[in-house]
Amino acid sequence: MAEILSELPTEAARAYLAARSLMEQHPDLAAERFRKALDLLCLKFGGDNLSLADKIRDLSARGHLPAQLLEAVEALRIVDNVGARESPSKAASAEAWILDSLFKLLAQYLYVLPAKTFKMRSITRHSARTV
């Protein structure tokens, strides 16, 4: 996880670590913090006035994220709806777990993979010049 966090905007990484620290004892608070961390993760890509779900949909529509990640957005909606009716504490744990997973996936696609791709290109260019 340290490798992922090192590639992220500082505020997003801090918010993520704060959420993780709350996950066991206070999953409802962790879920709120994960949402904040996800918003911070998406900040540089625009969509400031969109909901988190709409930001992710927008990022997918613009080719920054694969469409499969939209399934996580749907899973969140379902957990929220079921939790509101049946078991808020179980829903909070499930929501926190989904948001944690979603954060890791978005971090990989939006920050880690582009950074690694850039580094690979740099190595390739440097190697091509020295051959």
C-alpha atoms as a PDB file:
ATOM      1  CA  MET A   1       0.000   0.000   0.000  1.00  0.00           C
ATOM      2  CA  ALA A   2       2.931   2.331   0.629  1.00  0.00           C
ATOM      3  CA  GLU A   3       3.792   2.260  -3.079  1.00  0.00           C
ATOM      4  CA  ILE A   4       0.256   3.315  -3.979  1.00  0.00           C
ATOM      5  CA  LEU A   5       0.113   6.083  -1.374  1.00  0.00           C
ATOM      6  CA  SER A   6       3.438   7.516  -2.524  1.00  0.00           C
ATOM      7  CA  GLU A   7       1.937   8.263  -5.955  1.00  0.00           C
ATOM      8  CA  LEU A   8      -1.178  10.042  -4.646  1.00  0.00           C
ATOM      9  CA  PRO A   9      -1.930  13.648  -3.797  1.00  0.00           C
ATOM     10  CA  THR A  10      -0.905  14.137  -0.149  1.00  0.00           C
ATOM     11  CA  GLU A  11      -4.379  15.104   1.053  1.00  0.00           C
ATOM     12  CA  ALA A  12      -5.968  12.028  -0.539  1.00  0.00           C
ATOM     13  CA  ALA A  13      -3.354   9.748   1.043  1.00  0.00           C
ATOM     14  CA  ARG A  14      -3.881  11.346   4.469  1.00  0.00           C
ATOM     15  CA  ALA A  15      -7.655  11.049   4.210  1.00  0.00           C
ATOM     16  CA  TYR A  16      -7.320   7.401   3.197  1.00  0.00           C
ATOM     17  CA  LEU A  17      -5.072   6.594   6.166  1.00  0.00           C
ATOM     18  CA  ALA A  18      -7.502   8.351   8.523  1.00  0.00           C
ATOM     19  CA  ALA A  19     -10.367   6.253   7.116  1.00  0.00           C
ATOM     20  CA  ARG A  20      -8.391   3.021   7.488  1.00  0.00           C
ATOM     21  CA  SER A  21      -7.664   3.814  11.129  1.00  0.00           C
ATOM     22  CA  LEU A  22     -11.411   4.002  11.836  1.00  0.00           C
ATOM     23  CA  MET A  23     -12.508   0.944   9.889  1.00  0.00           C
ATOM     24  CA  GLU A  24     -12.611  -1.643  12.704  1.00  0.00           C
ATOM     25  CA  GLN A  25     -14.138   0.426  15.484  1.00  0.00           C
ATOM     26  CA  HIS A  26     -16.209   2.979  13.570  1.00  0.00           C
ATOM     27  CA  PRO A  27     -17.068   1.760  10.059  1.00  0.00           C
ATOM     28  CA  ASP A  28     -19.694   4.471   9.630  1.00  0.00           C
ATOM     29  CA  LEU A  29     -17.093   7.197  10.226  1.00  0.00           C
ATOM     30  CA  ALA A  30     -14.596   5.302   8.087  1.00  0.00           C
ATOM     31  CA  ALA A  31     -17.091   5.266   5.210  1.00  0.00           C
ATOM     32  CA  GLU A  32     -17.459   9.054   5.458  1.00  0.00           C
ATOM     33  CA  ARG A  33     -13.672   9.470   5.416  1.00  0.00           C
ATOM     34  CA  PHE A  34     -13.279   7.062   2.486  1.00  0.00           C
ATOM     35  CA  ARG A  35     -15.788   9.152   0.535  1.00  0.00           C
ATOM     36  CA  LYS A  36     -13.744  12.277   1.313  1.00  0.00           C
ATOM     37  CA  ALA A  37     -10.539  10.466   0.265  1.00  0.00           C
ATOM     38  CA  LEU A  38     -12.170   9.385  -2.997  1.00  0.00           C
ATOM     39  CA  ASP A  39     -13.324  12.939  -3.687  1.00  0.00           C
ATOM     40  CA  LEU A  40      -9.763  14.157  -3.130  1.00  0.00           C
ATOM     41  CA  LEU A  41      -8.457  11.410  -5.405  1.00  0.00           C
ATOM     42  CA  CYS A  42     -10.762  12.559  -8.205  1.00  0.00           C
ATOM     43  CA  LEU A  43     -10.157  16.289  -7.657  1.00  0.00           C
ATOM     44  CA  LYS A  44      -7.611  16.868 -10.422  1.00  0.00           C
ATOM     45  CA  PHE A  45      -9.920  15.271 -12.985  1.00  0.00           C
ATOM     46  CA  GLY A  46     -12.736  17.805 -12.535  1.00  0.00           C
ATOM     47  CA  GLY A  47     -16.401  17.217 -11.817  1.00  0.00           C
ATOM     48  CA  ASP A  48     -16.308  19.305  -8.642  1.00  0.00           C
ATOM     49  CA  ASN A  49     -20.072  19.662  -8.452  1.00  0.00           C
ATOM     50  CA  LEU A  50     -20.798  15.961  -9.113  1.00  0.00           C
ATOM     51  CA  SER A  51     -21.619  13.268  -6.589  1.00  0.00           C
ATOM     52  CA  LEU A  52     -18.958  10.617  -6.019  1.00  0.00           C
ATOM     53  CA  ALA A  53     -20.892   8.099  -8.126  1.00  0.00           C
ATOM     54  CA  ASP A  54     -21.237  10.622 -10.953  1.00  0.00           C
ATOM     55  CA  LYS A  55     -17.517  11.505 -10.762  1.00  0.00           C
ATOM     56  CA  ILE A  56     -16.658   7.840 -11.224  1.00  0.00           C
ATOM     57  CA  ARG A  57     -19.146   7.498 -14.080  1.00  0.00           C
ATOM     58  CA  ASP A  58     -17.659  10.606 -15.697  1.00  0.00           C
ATOM     59  CA  LEU A  59     -14.097   9.284 -15.331  1.00  0.00           C
ATOM     60  CA  SER A  60     -15.187   6.027 -16.939  1.00  0.00           C
ATOM     61  CA  ALA A  61     -16.978   7.826 -19.783  1.00  0.00           C
ATOM     62  CA  ARG A  62     -13.821   9.863 -20.444  1.00  0.00           C
ATOM     63  CA  GLY A  63     -11.682   6.715 -20.586  1.00  0.00           C
ATOM     64  CA  HIS A  64      -9.780   7.209 -17.326  1.00  0.00           C
ATOM     65  CA  LEU A  65     -11.387   4.151 -15.707  1.00  0.00           C
ATOM     66  CA  PRO A  66     -12.656   0.827 -17.051  1.00  0.00           C
ATOM     67  CA  ALA A  67     -16.411   0.331 -17.148  1.00  0.00           C
ATOM     68  CA  GLN A  68     -16.125  -2.610 -14.723  1.00  0.00           C
ATOM     69  CA  LEU A  69     -15.524  -0.140 -11.890  1.00  0.00           C
ATOM     70  CA  LEU A  70     -19.060   1.111 -12.364  1.00  0.00           C
ATOM     71  CA  GLU A  71     -20.154  -2.168 -10.764  1.00  0.00           C
ATOM     72  CA  ALA A  72     -18.623  -0.935  -7.498  1.00  0.00           C
ATOM     73  CA  VAL A  73     -20.768   2.187  -7.713  1.00  0.00           C
ATOM     74  CA  GLU A  74     -23.837  -0.019  -8.124  1.00  0.00           C
ATOM     75  CA  ALA A  75     -22.736  -2.169  -5.161  1.00  0.00           C
ATOM     76  CA  LEU A  76     -22.509   0.969  -3.019  1.00  0.00           C
ATOM     77  CA  ARG A  77     -26.013   2.014  -4.019  1.00  0.00           C
ATOM     78  CA  ILE A  78     -27.390  -1.398  -3.106  1.00  0.00           C
ATOM     79  CA  VAL A  79     -25.592  -1.465   0.268  1.00  0.00           C
ATOM     80  CA  ASP A  80     -26.872   2.029   1.053  1.00  0.00           C
ATOM     81  CA  ASN A  81     -30.457   1.071   0.202  1.00  0.00           C
ATOM     82  CA  VAL A  82     -30.423  -2.215   2.125  1.00  0.00           C
ATOM     83  CA  GLY A  83     -28.659  -0.654   5.117  1.00  0.00           C
ATOM     84  CA  ALA A  84     -31.183   2.132   5.384  1.00  0.00           C
ATOM     85  CA  ARG A  85     -33.967  -0.451   5.686  1.00  0.00           C
ATOM     86  CA  GLU A  86     -32.450  -3.382   7.528  1.00  0.00           C
ATOM     87  CA  SER A  87     -29.109  -3.191   9.333  1.00  0.00           C
ATOM     88  CA  PRO A  88     -27.269   0.114   9.420  1.00  0.00           C
ATOM     89  CA  SER A  89     -24.260  -1.320  11.296  1.00  0.00           C
ATOM     90  CA  LYS A  90     -23.769  -4.201   8.835  1.00  0.00           C
ATOM     91  CA  ALA A  91     -24.276  -1.808   5.942  1.00  0.00           C
ATOM     92  CA  ALA A  92     -21.652   0.569   7.362  1.00  0.00           C
ATOM     93  CA  SER A  93     -19.080  -2.238   7.489  1.00  0.00           C
ATOM     94  CA  ALA A  94     -19.915  -3.353   3.954  1.00  0.00           C
ATOM     95  CA  GLU A  95     -19.879   0.225   2.688  1.00  0.00           C
ATOM     96  CA  ALA A  96     -16.512   0.925   4.315  1.00  0.00           C
ATOM     97  CA  TRP A  97     -15.045  -2.241   2.776  1.00  0.00           C
ATOM     98  CA  ILE A  98     -16.386  -1.367  -0.690  1.00  0.00           C
ATOM     99  CA  LEU A  99     -15.137   2.232  -0.433  1.00  0.00           C
ATOM    100  CA  ASP A 100     -11.716   1.035   0.726  1.00  0.00           C
ATOM    101  CA  SER A 101     -11.509  -1.331  -2.240  1.00  0.00           C
ATOM    102  CA  LEU A 102     -12.776   1.330  -4.619  1.00  0.00           C
ATOM    103  CA  PHE A 103     -10.174   3.802  -3.358  1.00  0.00           C
ATOM    104  CA  LYS A 104      -7.384   1.298  -4.017  1.00  0.00           C
ATOM    105  CA  LEU A 105      -8.684   0.563  -7.516  1.00  0.00           C
ATOM    106  CA  LEU A 106      -9.085   4.221  -8.460  1.00  0.00           C
ATOM    107  CA  ALA A 107      -5.659   5.026  -7.041  1.00  0.00           C
ATOM    108  CA  GLN A 108      -4.149   2.322  -9.231  1.00  0.00           C
ATOM    109  CA  TYR A 109      -5.915   3.429 -12.413  1.00  0.00           C
ATOM    110  CA  LEU A 110      -5.671   7.186 -11.946  1.00  0.00           C
ATOM    111  CA  TYR A 111      -2.206   7.549 -10.421  1.00  0.00           C
ATOM    112  CA  VAL A 112      -0.065   4.415 -10.073  1.00  0.00           C
ATOM    113  CA  LEU A 113      -0.481   2.949 -13.568  1.00  0.00           C
ATOM    114  CA  PRO A 114       0.131   6.275 -15.353  1.00  0.00           C
ATOM    115  CA  ALA A 115       3.249   6.868 -13.205  1.00  0.00           C
ATOM    116  CA  LYS A 116       4.583   3.387 -13.960  1.00  0.00           C
ATOM    117  CA  THR A 117       3.816   3.759 -17.657  1.00  0.00           C
ATOM    118  CA  PHE A 118       5.663   7.078 -17.709  1.00  0.00           C
ATOM    119  CA  LYS A 119       8.654   5.485 -15.987  1.00  0.00           C
ATOM    120  CA  MET A 120       8.657   2.580 -18.482  1.00  0.00           C
ATOM    121  CA  ARG A 121       8.629   5.036 -21.388  1.00  0.00           C
ATOM    122  CA  SER A 122      11.521   6.948 -19.852  1.00  0.00           C
ATOM    123  CA  ILE A 123      13.552   3.765 -19.419  1.00  0.00           C
ATOM    124  CA  THR A 124      12.750   2.676 -22.963  1.00  0.00           C
ATOM    125  CA  ARG A 125      13.764   6.041 -24.424  1.00  0.00           C
ATOM    126  CA  HIS A 126      16.977   6.058 -22.407  1.00  0.00           C
ATOM    127  CA  SER A 127      17.791   2.463 -23.424  1.00  0.00           C
ATOM    128  CA  ALA A 128      17.071   3.200 -27.088  1.00  0.00           C
ATOM    129  CA  ARG A 129      19.532   6.109 -27.042  1.00  0.00           C
ATOM    130  CA  THR A 130      22.325   4.053 -25.508  1.00  0.00           C
ATOM    131  CA  VAL A 131      22.040   1.157 -27.974  1.00  0.00           C
END
